[in-house]
Protein backbone atom coordinates (compact mmCIF):
# COMPACT_ATOMS: atom_id res chain seq x y z
CA MET A 1 -24.65 -3.82 -7.21
CA LEU A 2 -21.29 -1.92 -6.51
CA LEU A 3 -19.48 -4.28 -8.80
CA ALA A 4 -21.86 -3.90 -11.69
CA MET A 5 -21.83 -0.09 -11.23
CA LEU A 6 -17.88 -0.28 -11.45
CA VAL A 7 -17.98 -2.63 -14.32
CA ALA A 8 -20.58 -0.58 -16.29
CA PHE A 9 -18.32 2.78 -15.65
CA GLY A 10 -15.01 1.17 -16.34
CA LEU A 11 -15.38 -1.62 -18.92
CA GLY A 12 -13.66 -0.83 -22.05
CA SER A 13 -11.12 1.37 -20.34
CA LEU A 14 -8.03 -0.93 -20.46
CA THR A 15 -7.16 0.19 -24.12
CA HIS A 16 -3.53 1.30 -23.71
CA ALA A 17 -2.20 4.35 -25.70
CA GLN A 18 -0.03 3.45 -28.69
CA ASP A 19 3.01 4.98 -29.88
CA ASN A 20 2.41 7.12 -33.15
CA LYS A 21 4.90 7.67 -35.62
CA PRO A 22 5.53 11.41 -36.52
CA ALA A 23 3.51 12.63 -39.47
CA ASP A 24 6.52 13.17 -41.62
CA ALA A 25 7.94 9.71 -40.95
CA ALA A 26 6.37 8.55 -44.18
CA ALA A 27 7.17 11.38 -46.44
CA PRO A 28 10.53 10.14 -47.95
CA ALA A 29 8.92 6.71 -49.12
CA ALA A 30 5.93 8.59 -50.55
CA ALA A 31 8.31 10.86 -52.66
CA ALA A 32 10.31 8.04 -53.80
CA PRO A 33 9.76 6.36 -57.30
CA ALA A 34 7.27 3.56 -57.24
CA ALA A 35 9.65 0.97 -58.02
CA ASP A 36 12.04 1.70 -55.01
CA ALA A 37 9.01 2.42 -52.67
CA ALA A 38 9.66 -1.06 -50.82
CA ALA A 39 13.36 -0.47 -50.42
CA PRO A 40 13.21 1.82 -47.26
CA ALA A 41 11.03 -0.52 -45.54
CA ALA A 42 13.33 -3.66 -46.39
CA GLU A 43 16.22 -1.57 -45.20
CA ALA A 44 14.98 -0.24 -41.83
CA PRO A 45 16.26 -1.69 -38.86
CA ALA A 46 13.92 -3.99 -36.76
CA ALA A 47 12.65 -2.23 -33.59
CA GLU A 48 15.08 -3.00 -30.83
CA ALA A 49 13.78 -5.62 -28.46
CA PRO A 50 13.75 -4.54 -24.62
CA LYS A 51 16.87 -5.44 -22.83
CA MET A 52 17.43 -6.29 -19.20
CA ASP A 53 19.28 -3.33 -17.45
CA THR A 54 21.51 -5.14 -14.80
CA GLY A 55 21.80 -2.01 -12.70
CA SER A 56 17.98 -1.64 -12.37
CA THR A 57 17.65 -5.34 -11.72
CA ALA A 58 20.32 -5.37 -8.99
CA TRP A 59 18.54 -2.46 -7.24
CA MET A 60 15.10 -3.96 -7.69
CA ILE A 61 16.22 -7.11 -6.06
CA THR A 62 17.55 -5.08 -3.00
CA ALA A 63 14.35 -2.93 -2.84
CA THR A 64 12.40 -6.21 -2.70
CA VAL A 65 14.50 -7.44 0.22
CA LEU A 66 14.03 -3.97 1.95
CA VAL A 67 10.32 -4.44 1.79
CA ILE A 68 10.53 -7.66 3.44
CA LEU A 69 12.66 -6.14 6.06
CA MET A 70 9.65 -3.62 6.65
CA THR A 71 7.34 -6.60 7.35
CA VAL A 72 9.43 -9.19 9.10
CA PRO A 73 10.89 -8.00 11.42
CA GLY A 74 9.98 -4.18 11.23
CA LEU A 75 6.11 -4.25 11.32
CA ALA A 76 6.06 -7.25 13.46
CA LEU A 77 8.23 -5.56 16.17
CA PHE A 78 6.37 -2.29 15.66
CA TYR A 79 2.96 -4.05 16.59
CA GLY A 80 4.59 -6.27 19.08
CA GLY A 81 5.82 -3.53 21.28
CA LEU A 82 2.48 -1.88 21.29
CA VAL A 83 0.30 -4.61 22.75
CA ARG A 84 0.26 -5.96 26.19
CA THR A 85 2.65 -8.56 27.20
CA LYS A 86 0.19 -11.44 27.12
CA ASN A 87 -0.56 -10.79 23.48
CA MET A 88 3.00 -10.27 22.17
CA LEU A 89 3.45 -13.55 20.26
CA SER A 90 0.09 -13.57 18.92
CA VAL A 91 0.62 -10.45 16.88
CA LEU A 92 4.08 -11.60 15.75
CA MET A 93 2.56 -14.75 14.95
CA GLN A 94 -0.14 -13.00 12.96
CA VAL A 95 2.12 -10.74 11.00
CA PHE A 96 4.72 -13.55 10.32
CA VAL A 97 2.26 -16.10 8.95
CA THR A 98 0.09 -13.64 6.97
CA PHE A 99 3.23 -12.63 5.00
CA SER A 100 3.96 -16.26 4.47
CA LEU A 101 0.57 -17.35 3.36
CA LEU A 102 -0.02 -14.33 1.08
CA SER A 103 3.23 -14.91 -0.69
CA VAL A 104 2.13 -18.44 -1.75
CA LEU A 105 -1.41 -17.02 -2.75
CA TRP A 106 0.29 -14.17 -4.70
CA VAL A 107 2.22 -16.37 -6.98
CA CYS A 108 -0.66 -19.00 -7.32
CA LEU A 109 -3.59 -16.31 -8.28
CA GLY A 110 -3.09 -12.84 -6.90
CA TYR A 111 -0.40 -11.65 -9.48
CA SER A 112 -2.58 -12.81 -12.39
CA LEU A 113 -5.65 -11.07 -10.86
CA ALA A 114 -3.73 -7.87 -10.64
CA PHE A 115 -1.22 -7.53 -13.27
CA SER A 116 -2.78 -9.60 -16.17
CA GLU A 117 -5.23 -8.56 -18.87
CA GLY A 118 -8.95 -8.52 -17.82
CA ASN A 119 -11.45 -5.86 -17.50
CA ALA A 120 -11.79 -2.54 -15.58
CA ILE A 121 -11.89 -4.17 -12.09
CA PHE A 122 -10.14 -7.65 -12.37
CA GLY A 123 -7.27 -8.97 -14.25
CA GLY A 124 -7.59 -12.51 -15.77
CA LEU A 125 -6.12 -15.71 -14.99
CA SER A 126 -3.72 -15.84 -17.83
CA LYS A 127 -0.73 -15.94 -15.40
CA ALA A 128 -2.27 -18.10 -12.60
CA PHE A 129 0.37 -20.24 -11.18
CA LEU A 130 2.87 -18.06 -12.97
CA SER A 131 1.87 -19.48 -16.39
CA GLY A 132 3.95 -18.10 -19.01
CA VAL A 133 6.49 -16.46 -16.85
CA THR A 134 10.07 -17.52 -17.60
CA PRO A 135 13.61 -16.41 -16.62
CA ASP A 136 13.69 -14.54 -19.95
CA SER A 137 10.32 -12.54 -19.30
CA LEU A 138 10.83 -8.96 -18.84
CA ASN A 139 8.81 -6.21 -17.18
CA GLY A 140 10.36 -2.94 -18.54
CA VAL A 141 14.04 -3.47 -18.09
CA ILE A 142 13.90 -5.85 -15.25
CA PRO A 143 13.02 -9.74 -15.03
CA GLU A 144 9.32 -10.41 -14.55
CA TYR A 145 10.29 -12.75 -11.80
CA VAL A 146 11.64 -9.58 -9.90
CA PHE A 147 8.85 -7.51 -10.67
CA LEU A 148 6.17 -9.97 -9.41
CA THR A 149 8.33 -10.76 -6.17
CA PHE A 150 8.56 -7.02 -5.58
CA GLN A 151 4.77 -6.81 -5.94
CA LEU A 152 4.44 -9.81 -3.71
CA THR A 153 5.94 -7.90 -0.88
CA PHE A 154 3.36 -5.11 -1.36
CA ALA A 155 0.62 -7.69 -1.52
CA SER A 156 1.74 -9.51 1.72
CA ILE A 157 2.71 -6.35 3.91
CA THR A 158 -0.86 -4.72 3.17
CA PRO A 159 -3.12 -7.32 4.90
CA ALA A 160 -0.44 -7.65 7.71
CA LEU A 161 -1.07 -3.89 8.42
CA ILE A 162 -4.75 -4.75 9.00
CA VAL A 163 -3.53 -6.81 12.03
CA GLY A 164 -3.19 -3.91 14.34
CA GLY A 165 -6.95 -3.00 14.02
CA PHE A 166 -8.37 -6.00 15.88
CA ALA A 167 -5.22 -7.05 17.76
CA GLU A 168 -5.59 -8.89 21.14
CA ARG A 169 -9.14 -10.25 20.42
CA ILE A 170 -9.39 -12.21 17.11
CA LYS A 171 -8.91 -16.14 16.53
CA PHE A 172 -5.87 -16.96 14.72
CA SER A 173 -7.78 -19.11 12.30
CA ALA A 174 -10.12 -16.32 11.37
CA VAL A 175 -7.15 -14.02 10.63
CA LEU A 176 -5.86 -16.52 8.04
CA TRP A 177 -9.16 -17.04 6.35
CA PHE A 178 -9.93 -13.26 6.17
CA MET A 179 -6.35 -12.37 4.77
CA GLY A 180 -6.54 -14.93 2.08
CA LEU A 181 -9.91 -13.94 0.77
CA TRP A 182 -8.98 -10.31 1.28
CA LEU A 183 -6.02 -10.54 -0.90
CA LEU A 184 -8.02 -12.02 -3.73
CA LEU A 185 -11.14 -9.83 -3.40
CA VAL A 186 -9.93 -6.59 -2.27
CA TYR A 187 -6.16 -5.97 -2.75
CA ALA A 188 -5.89 -7.69 -6.13
CA PRO A 189 -8.90 -5.84 -7.67
CA ILE A 190 -7.74 -2.51 -6.34
CA ALA A 191 -4.11 -3.21 -7.46
CA HIS A 192 -5.45 -3.88 -10.83
CA MET A 193 -7.56 -0.76 -11.18
CA VAL A 194 -4.61 1.39 -10.14
CA TRP A 195 -1.46 -0.25 -11.33
CA GLY A 196 -2.60 -3.12 -13.80
CA GLY A 197 -4.27 -0.78 -16.28
CA GLY A 198 -7.81 -0.85 -14.85
CA TYR A 199 -10.30 1.79 -14.14
CA LEU A 200 -8.46 4.15 -11.92
CA ALA A 201 -5.37 3.95 -14.10
CA THR A 202 -7.33 5.14 -17.25
CA LEU A 203 -9.17 7.73 -15.27
CA GLY A 204 -5.71 9.31 -14.55
CA ALA A 205 -5.53 8.81 -10.86
CA LYS A 206 -1.69 9.07 -9.54
CA ASP A 207 -0.50 6.48 -6.79
CA PHE A 208 3.22 6.09 -7.04
CA ALA A 209 3.74 3.64 -4.49
CA GLY A 210 0.49 2.63 -2.76
CA GLY A 211 -1.60 5.39 -1.11
CA THR A 212 -4.85 3.79 -2.25
CA VAL A 213 -3.57 0.15 -2.85
CA VAL A 214 -1.72 -0.41 0.47
CA HIS A 215 -2.58 2.24 3.20
CA ILE A 216 -6.19 3.31 2.61
CA ASN A 217 -7.05 -0.36 1.68
CA ALA A 218 -5.43 -1.48 5.09
CA GLY A 219 -6.93 1.34 6.93
CA ILE A 220 -10.52 0.78 5.84
CA ALA A 221 -10.34 -3.02 6.35
CA ALA A 222 -8.95 -2.39 9.99
CA LEU A 223 -11.69 0.05 10.80
CA VAL A 224 -14.34 -2.25 9.52
CA GLY A 225 -12.71 -5.06 11.40
CA CYS A 226 -12.64 -3.54 14.79
CA LEU A 227 -16.26 -2.21 14.54
CA VAL A 228 -17.41 -5.71 13.80
CA LEU A 229 -15.28 -7.51 16.52
CA GLY A 230 -16.33 -4.88 18.88
CA LYS A 231 -13.97 -3.30 21.68
CA ARG A 232 -11.41 -5.24 23.75
CA ILE A 233 -12.69 -6.15 27.24
CA GLY A 234 -11.93 -3.38 29.67
CA TYR A 235 -11.25 -0.84 26.65
CA GLY A 236 -11.75 2.75 28.08
CA LYS A 237 -11.80 1.42 31.57
CA GLU A 238 -8.49 -0.34 32.01
CA ALA A 239 -5.07 0.86 31.23
CA MET A 240 -3.87 -0.81 28.29
CA PRO A 241 -0.14 0.77 27.75
CA PRO A 242 2.20 -0.58 25.12
CA HIS A 243 4.53 -3.17 26.83
CA SER A 244 7.73 -2.32 25.09
CA LEU A 245 8.21 1.27 23.57
CA THR A 246 11.80 0.33 22.87
CA MET A 247 10.66 -2.55 20.54
CA THR A 248 8.22 -0.32 18.92
CA MET A 249 10.98 2.36 18.19
CA ILE A 250 13.28 -0.43 16.59
CA GLY A 251 10.22 -1.63 14.48
CA ALA A 252 9.51 1.98 13.43
CA SER A 253 13.19 2.43 12.44
CA LEU A 254 13.16 -0.53 10.28
CA LEU A 255 9.97 0.61 8.62
CA TRP A 256 11.75 4.01 7.85
CA VAL A 257 14.73 2.01 6.30
CA GLY A 258 12.67 -0.63 4.48
CA TRP A 259 10.36 2.16 3.16
CA PHE A 260 12.94 3.35 0.60
CA GLY A 261 12.68 -0.08 -1.03
CA PHE A 262 8.86 0.55 -1.13
CA ASN A 263 8.93 3.94 -2.71
CA VAL A 264 12.30 4.23 -4.70
CA GLY A 265 11.69 0.71 -5.78
CA SER A 266 8.24 1.73 -7.20
CA GLU A 267 10.05 3.41 -10.02
CA LEU A 268 11.22 0.10 -11.27
CA ALA A 269 14.51 1.52 -12.39
CA VAL A 270 17.68 3.44 -11.44
CA ASP A 271 17.18 6.91 -12.81
CA GLY A 272 16.41 10.63 -11.68
CA VAL A 273 13.08 10.06 -10.68
CA ALA A 274 14.28 7.27 -8.10
CA GLY A 275 16.60 9.95 -6.80
CA MET A 276 13.71 12.31 -6.17
CA VAL A 277 11.78 9.68 -4.63
CA LEU A 278 14.40 9.06 -2.09
CA VAL A 279 14.85 12.68 -0.97
CA ASN A 280 11.13 13.01 -0.71
CA THR A 281 10.62 9.72 1.23
CA GLN A 282 13.20 11.12 3.76
CA VAL A 283 12.18 14.71 4.20
CA ALA A 284 8.52 13.83 4.42
CA THR A 285 8.95 11.38 7.16
CA ALA A 286 11.26 13.57 9.21
CA ALA A 287 8.72 16.45 8.81
CA ALA A 288 6.00 14.20 10.02
CA VAL A 289 8.10 13.35 13.31
CA LEU A 290 8.37 17.06 13.95
CA GLY A 291 4.85 17.91 13.17
CA TRP A 292 3.39 15.23 15.47
CA MET A 293 5.90 15.90 18.14
CA PHE A 294 5.30 19.54 18.28
CA ILE A 295 1.48 19.30 18.23
CA GLU A 296 1.73 16.66 20.92
CA TRP A 297 4.03 18.81 22.93
CA MET A 298 1.54 21.61 22.77
CA VAL A 299 -1.54 19.59 23.47
CA LYS A 300 -0.24 17.11 26.18
CA GLY A 301 2.74 19.12 27.71
CA LYS A 302 5.48 16.60 26.63
CA PRO A 303 6.66 15.02 23.45
CA SER A 304 6.69 11.20 23.55
CA MET A 305 8.70 8.53 21.96
CA LEU A 306 5.63 6.74 20.88
CA GLY A 307 4.36 10.04 19.23
CA ALA A 308 7.66 10.46 17.18
CA ALA A 309 7.39 6.88 15.96
CA SER A 310 3.90 7.21 15.00
CA GLY A 311 4.65 10.55 13.30
CA ALA A 312 7.53 8.83 11.27
CA VAL A 313 4.99 6.00 10.10
CA ALA A 314 2.34 8.81 9.31
CA GLY A 315 4.79 10.66 7.14
CA LEU A 316 5.85 7.63 5.31
CA VAL A 317 2.46 6.62 4.47
CA ALA A 318 1.42 10.19 3.18
CA ILE A 319 4.25 10.52 1.16
CA THR A 320 3.84 7.03 -0.61
CA PRO A 321 1.34 7.94 -3.28
CA ALA A 322 2.99 11.22 -3.73
CA CYS A 323 6.83 10.43 -3.81
CA GLY A 324 7.17 10.22 -7.70
CA PHE A 325 5.04 13.50 -8.42
CA VAL A 326 5.82 16.21 -5.80
CA GLY A 327 9.19 18.07 -5.17
CA PRO A 328 11.17 18.00 -1.73
CA MET A 329 9.40 21.10 -0.56
CA GLY A 330 6.16 19.78 -1.40
CA ALA A 331 6.96 16.55 0.52
CA ILE A 332 8.06 18.54 3.67
CA ILE A 333 4.47 20.21 3.53
CA LEU A 334 2.83 16.83 3.23
CA GLY A 335 4.68 15.33 5.92
CA ILE A 336 3.93 18.30 8.41
CA ILE A 337 0.22 18.08 7.43
CA ALA A 338 0.03 14.18 7.97
CA GLY A 339 1.84 14.29 11.24
CA VAL A 340 -0.54 16.83 12.66
CA VAL A 341 -3.84 15.35 11.14
CA CYS A 342 -2.96 11.86 12.08
CA PHE A 343 -2.31 12.85 15.52
CA TRP A 344 -5.86 14.35 15.68
CA ALA A 345 -7.23 11.27 14.22
CA VAL A 346 -5.71 8.90 16.83
CA THR A 347 -6.62 10.95 19.58
CA SER A 348 -9.85 13.17 18.88
CA LEU A 349 -11.37 11.35 16.01
CA LYS A 350 -11.05 7.90 17.88
CA ARG A 351 -12.46 9.36 21.08
CA MET A 352 -15.29 11.13 19.16
CA PHE A 353 -16.67 7.88 17.66
CA GLY A 354 -15.45 5.54 20.39
CA TYR A 355 -14.00 2.72 18.12
CA ASP A 356 -11.29 0.48 19.50
CA ASP A 357 -8.80 0.26 16.70
CA SER A 358 -6.04 -1.29 18.69
CA LEU A 359 -2.74 -0.09 17.18
CA ASP A 360 -4.30 2.97 15.22
CA VAL A 361 -4.17 1.46 11.77
CA PHE A 362 -7.01 3.62 10.56
CA GLY A 363 -5.79 6.69 12.20
CA VAL A 364 -2.40 6.50 10.65
CA HIS A 365 -2.72 4.41 7.51
CA GLY A 366 -6.18 5.21 6.58
CA ILE A 367 -6.10 8.99 7.19
CA GLY A 368 -2.50 9.18 6.25
CA GLY A 369 -3.16 7.52 2.91
CA ILE A 370 -6.13 9.64 2.40
CA ILE A 371 -4.20 12.89 2.82
CA GLY A 372 -1.46 11.53 0.63
CA ALA A 373 -3.63 10.50 -2.27
CA ILE A 374 -5.76 13.63 -2.30
CA LEU A 375 -2.94 16.22 -1.91
CA THR A 376 -1.02 14.44 -4.52
CA GLY A 377 -3.19 16.10 -6.87
CA VAL A 378 -2.38 19.59 -5.61
CA LEU A 379 1.32 19.32 -4.86
CA MET A 380 2.43 17.64 -8.19
CA SER A 381 1.59 21.32 -9.76
CA LYS A 382 4.99 22.57 -11.25
CA ASP A 383 4.08 25.98 -9.38
CA LEU A 384 4.60 24.09 -6.22
CA GLY A 385 7.57 22.43 -7.22
CA GLY A 386 6.03 18.99 -8.45
CA VAL A 387 6.63 17.30 -11.95
CA GLY A 388 3.29 18.90 -13.26
CA TYR A 389 0.10 17.62 -14.91
CA ALA A 390 -0.42 15.63 -18.26
CA GLU A 391 -1.41 17.71 -21.25
CA GLY A 392 -4.78 19.12 -20.81
CA VAL A 393 -5.18 18.40 -17.01
CA THR A 394 -5.67 21.02 -14.49
CA MET A 395 -5.27 20.99 -10.83
CA GLY A 396 -9.07 20.76 -10.41
CA VAL A 397 -9.17 17.84 -12.81
CA GLN A 398 -6.48 15.90 -11.11
CA LEU A 399 -7.80 16.68 -7.76
CA TRP A 400 -11.07 15.19 -8.60
CA ASP A 401 -9.39 12.08 -10.02
CA GLN A 402 -7.77 11.63 -6.58
CA ILE A 403 -10.96 12.06 -4.77
CA VAL A 404 -12.50 9.50 -7.03
CA ALA A 405 -9.63 7.02 -6.77
CA VAL A 406 -9.92 7.43 -2.66
CA ALA A 407 -13.73 7.04 -2.80
CA VAL A 408 -13.54 3.83 -4.92
CA THR A 409 -11.08 2.26 -2.62
CA ILE A 410 -13.09 3.21 0.38
CA VAL A 411 -16.35 1.68 -0.98
CA TRP A 412 -15.05 -1.37 -2.59
CA CYS A 413 -12.69 -2.40 0.44
CA GLY A 414 -15.24 -1.40 3.18
CA ILE A 415 -18.20 -3.36 1.47
CA ILE A 416 -16.10 -6.35 0.53
CA SER A 417 -14.18 -6.50 3.95
CA LEU A 418 -17.45 -6.22 5.85
CA ILE A 419 -19.01 -9.07 3.98
CA LEU A 420 -15.84 -11.34 4.39
CA TYR A 421 -15.92 -10.56 8.07
CA LYS A 422 -19.56 -11.52 8.37
CA ILE A 423 -19.16 -14.68 6.38
CA ILE A 424 -16.19 -15.83 8.53
CA ASP A 425 -17.96 -14.92 11.73
CA MET A 426 -20.95 -17.09 10.79
CA VAL A 427 -18.81 -20.17 9.78
CA ILE A 428 -15.99 -20.20 12.47
CA GLY A 429 -16.30 -17.06 14.56
CA LEU A 430 -14.01 -14.19 14.52
CA ARG A 431 -13.53 -13.39 18.37
CA VAL A 432 -11.80 -15.51 20.95
CA THR A 433 -14.06 -16.37 24.16
CA GLU A 434 -13.89 -13.80 27.07
CA ASP A 435 -11.66 -16.03 29.40
CA LYS A 436 -9.08 -16.73 26.52
CA GLU A 437 -8.99 -12.83 25.82
CA ARG A 438 -8.42 -12.28 29.60
CA GLU A 439 -5.73 -14.85 29.75
CA GLY A 440 -4.19 -13.68 26.60
CA LEU A 441 -3.75 -15.03 22.98
CA ASP A 442 -0.20 -16.09 23.47
CA ILE A 443 -1.08 -18.94 25.61
CA THR A 444 -4.58 -19.79 24.59
CA GLU A 445 -3.94 -19.40 20.75
CA HIS A 446 -0.41 -20.60 20.59
CA GLY A 447 0.49 -22.25 23.78
CA GLU A 448 3.60 -20.28 24.54
CA THR A 449 4.55 -16.97 26.05
CA ALA A 450 6.96 -14.11 25.04
CA TYR A 451 8.65 -13.70 28.36
CA HIS A 452 9.30 -15.97 31.52
CA ALA A 453 9.61 -14.44 34.89
């Protein structure tokens, strides 16, 4: 029903705006004698074919490698340090292999479903298995192979983020089945709707580097997953502190560094906008660290390393959709808001509803992504230092478009993710047995341990 509704609402919205000649461009030919009318057309230079820009291409290859750094080792170490010792390797394995599996699925089907022509929700299969893509194919001023690999890193890190929602209690086989299906049925459609010319793109929603596509998507899937699987054994009764905050801090730092590839790379060129994205990403993240730290200091009496690292990730998440549209002062405001609100989400909101989101994927990525996506519609105003709105668009209109984009992402991801979890649970089961969970997934799922006494 949801699919039918969205298709009905968005079909036919893929028509791209065409470049129009100025009205006076034809005047000289019209004024010329009839016998000479064809001469200007014959002598007019042919439209210059797009050319690869070597500087932009070199940067995009670097940006792609930086996003890989975010995932392995960045995200893997960030998550690994947050779990208990007995589950360290299981989380590393889930992130590492998810990244590998989805890299292959992306070039086979995901890229085509997200970035080839289709309808308002799904791309087609014209580029399945990279059909028609050659070393000479361009996307803008960079080779299409570089573009699709850059997008591969986004498609691979997003499902890896979900791992934190159900860490320490899920079967490894269930992780792989869920991630593969989720890429094709959730990530690819949302990516197409936002970046591939689909419904949300034609609506006018703004998402520079993945607030909806990456972070809200991952946060909602993680929340649904932790609710379906249920709480960890002993949750709320036994202490479950992170086993290595040192490792978590290293992971957070790698995420911060790699995120410049994530955000700045999304400009797909080396230009002034890329420079603006660079400074916005830095100051928003720093502001979020301070926002989280000071609110935690006020509430708990002491600032923590875990809080500072979490604040950094919250700031990175929130600035992601906005980084190409807001100014540096707007980025600082957004970072502070994200740090404070995400702190509230992982403490008060989580306690209020009692769900066990193991590593706070929803509280940081889900909530942070929602904040960033919605406030993009406000902070991109020229009066607030942003780039301004399209002609005829007001703040109210843009804000509504942002809210619609958030709502569509939540509904699509929430419903499809729930269906996938339920099907996988019926077929192979989602959760390990109680004995295996108590012993730890390192030994019971992988037959090895991270540490030896």
